Amino acid sequence: MARYIPPVQSKVGQIVDVIVLLVLAVGALYIPLWMGLAGSSKVPVPVDNPTWESLGQNPAMVEKWNQLGYADAASAAEVISARFDYSFSLGSLVLMIVVIVGYYAIMLRFSEKEFRDVISEKFGER
């Protein structure tokens, strides 16, 4: 049985592969942010006449807010009462499912082709 020896890739080919992978990695991280599909938004809950007590802050917390530059409860109310917005759009969800399933199908197809090439190279054709 012959030992499998993979093909040798040139230095230029390796550099091109690294650049393509870097672009794909940065793109995978940046494009969802650019398209508005990722990230979170905070929605402040308006509070009428806020006090430290109505915002649920104890004296130790008030002292820390003062050290951060918030002199009174009204100036810190927007930050304290901000809640994450967990809403999403159905279109974005469907798009993400299509992308993930499509990626999986492409990887299976490429993997099958590579697997068959290695098997035929190692053991010959059927």
Protein backbone atom coordinates (compact mmCIF):
# COMPACT_ATOMS: atom_id res chain seq x y z
CA MET A 1 0.00 0.00 0.00
CA ALA A 2 1.48 3.33 -1.08
CA ARG A 3 1.88 6.07 1.50
CA TYR A 4 -0.16 9.20 0.66
CA ILE A 5 1.99 12.23 -0.14
CA PRO A 6 -0.02 15.46 -0.39
CA PRO A 7 0.73 17.91 -3.20
CA VAL A 8 3.20 20.68 -2.34
CA GLN A 9 1.88 24.23 -2.38
CA SER A 10 4.11 27.13 -3.45
CA LYS A 11 4.98 30.03 -1.15
CA VAL A 12 2.90 32.41 -3.29
CA GLY A 13 -0.05 30.04 -3.01
CA GLN A 14 0.33 29.95 0.77
CA ILE A 15 0.46 33.76 0.96
CA VAL A 16 -2.65 34.06 -1.22
CA ASP A 17 -4.42 31.49 0.99
CA VAL A 18 -3.54 33.44 4.14
CA ILE A 19 -4.76 36.73 2.63
CA VAL A 20 -8.03 35.14 1.46
CA LEU A 21 -8.62 33.57 4.88
CA LEU A 22 -7.87 36.88 6.61
CA VAL A 23 -10.31 38.74 4.34
CA LEU A 24 -12.97 36.07 4.95
CA ALA A 25 -12.47 36.19 8.73
CA VAL A 26 -12.67 39.99 8.89
CA GLY A 27 -15.63 39.94 6.52
CA ALA A 28 -17.44 37.34 8.61
CA LEU A 29 -17.01 39.54 11.67
CA TYR A 30 -17.66 42.94 10.07
CA ILE A 31 -20.37 42.35 7.45
CA PRO A 32 -23.13 41.41 9.96
CA LEU A 33 -22.38 44.62 11.88
CA TRP A 34 -22.36 46.66 8.67
CA MET A 35 -25.69 45.13 7.57
CA GLY A 36 -27.22 45.77 10.99
CA LEU A 37 -27.71 42.06 11.69
CA ALA A 38 -25.59 42.00 14.84
CA GLY A 39 -24.95 44.16 17.86
CA SER A 40 -27.40 45.22 20.47
CA SER A 41 -29.24 48.39 21.17
CA LYS A 42 -30.28 49.73 24.51
CA VAL A 43 -33.64 51.33 25.00
CA PRO A 44 -33.89 53.65 28.00
CA VAL A 45 -37.04 53.41 30.06
CA PRO A 46 -38.22 56.93 30.89
CA VAL A 47 -38.54 57.63 34.63
CA ASP A 48 -40.51 60.66 35.88
CA ASN A 49 -38.66 62.61 38.57
CA PRO A 50 -35.95 60.01 39.13
CA THR A 51 -34.39 59.58 42.54
CA TRP A 52 -31.60 57.24 43.54
CA GLU A 53 -34.13 55.17 45.49
CA SER A 54 -36.59 54.91 42.58
CA LEU A 55 -33.71 53.73 40.39
CA GLY A 56 -32.85 51.02 42.93
CA GLN A 57 -29.47 52.45 43.93
CA ASN A 58 -28.04 52.07 47.42
CA PRO A 59 -25.59 54.57 49.02
CA ALA A 60 -22.52 52.65 47.82
CA MET A 61 -23.83 52.70 44.27
CA VAL A 62 -24.65 56.41 44.51
CA GLU A 63 -21.09 57.10 45.61
CA LYS A 64 -19.73 55.22 42.58
CA TRP A 65 -22.10 57.08 40.24
CA ASN A 66 -20.83 60.35 41.72
CA GLN A 67 -17.24 59.24 41.11
CA LEU A 68 -18.15 58.54 37.48
CA GLY A 69 -19.37 62.13 37.12
CA TYR A 70 -23.11 61.69 37.57
CA ALA A 71 -23.99 64.30 40.18
CA ASP A 72 -27.68 63.50 40.53
CA ALA A 73 -30.14 60.74 39.74
CA ALA A 74 -31.59 62.58 36.74
CA SER A 75 -28.26 62.57 34.90
CA ALA A 76 -27.70 58.84 35.54
CA ALA A 77 -31.32 57.74 34.99
CA GLU A 78 -30.91 57.07 31.27
CA VAL A 79 -27.87 54.85 31.81
CA ILE A 80 -29.37 52.98 34.77
CA SER A 81 -32.75 52.36 33.19
CA ALA A 82 -31.43 51.31 29.75
CA ARG A 83 -32.54 47.80 28.81
CA PHE A 84 -31.33 45.64 25.93
CA ASP A 85 -33.62 45.38 22.93
CA TYR A 86 -33.97 41.68 22.11
CA SER A 87 -36.25 42.12 19.12
CA PHE A 88 -35.29 40.58 15.78
CA SER A 89 -36.69 40.43 12.30
CA LEU A 90 -37.97 37.25 10.74
CA GLY A 91 -36.20 38.11 7.48
CA SER A 92 -32.82 38.32 9.22
CA LEU A 93 -33.43 34.99 10.93
CA VAL A 94 -34.37 33.29 7.64
CA LEU A 95 -31.34 34.85 5.92
CA MET A 96 -29.02 33.57 8.65
CA ILE A 97 -30.53 30.06 8.41
CA VAL A 98 -30.09 30.07 4.62
CA VAL A 99 -26.46 31.20 4.95
CA ILE A 100 -25.61 28.53 7.55
CA VAL A 101 -27.37 25.69 5.69
CA GLY A 102 -25.80 26.83 2.40
CA TYR A 103 -22.34 26.93 3.96
CA TYR A 104 -22.85 23.44 5.39
CA ALA A 105 -24.00 22.08 2.01
CA ILE A 106 -21.03 23.64 0.19
CA MET A 107 -18.57 22.25 2.75
CA LEU A 108 -20.11 18.78 2.44
CA ARG A 109 -19.83 18.94 -1.36
CA PHE A 110 -16.20 20.11 -1.32
CA SER A 111 -15.28 17.62 1.39
CA GLU A 112 -16.84 14.76 -0.55
CA LYS A 113 -14.88 15.69 -3.69
CA GLU A 114 -11.59 15.96 -1.77
CA PHE A 115 -12.30 12.71 0.10
CA ARG A 116 -12.99 10.85 -3.14
CA ASP A 117 -9.80 12.26 -4.71
CA VAL A 118 -7.67 11.08 -1.77
CA ILE A 119 -9.31 7.62 -1.72
CA SER A 120 -8.87 7.17 -5.48
CA GLU A 121 -5.27 8.36 -5.26
CA LYS A 122 -4.51 5.98 -2.40
CA PHE A 123 -6.48 2.90 -3.44
CA GLY A 124 -7.18 3.45 -7.14
CA GLU A 125 -10.48 3.61 -8.97
CA ARG A 126 -13.23 1.07 -8.30
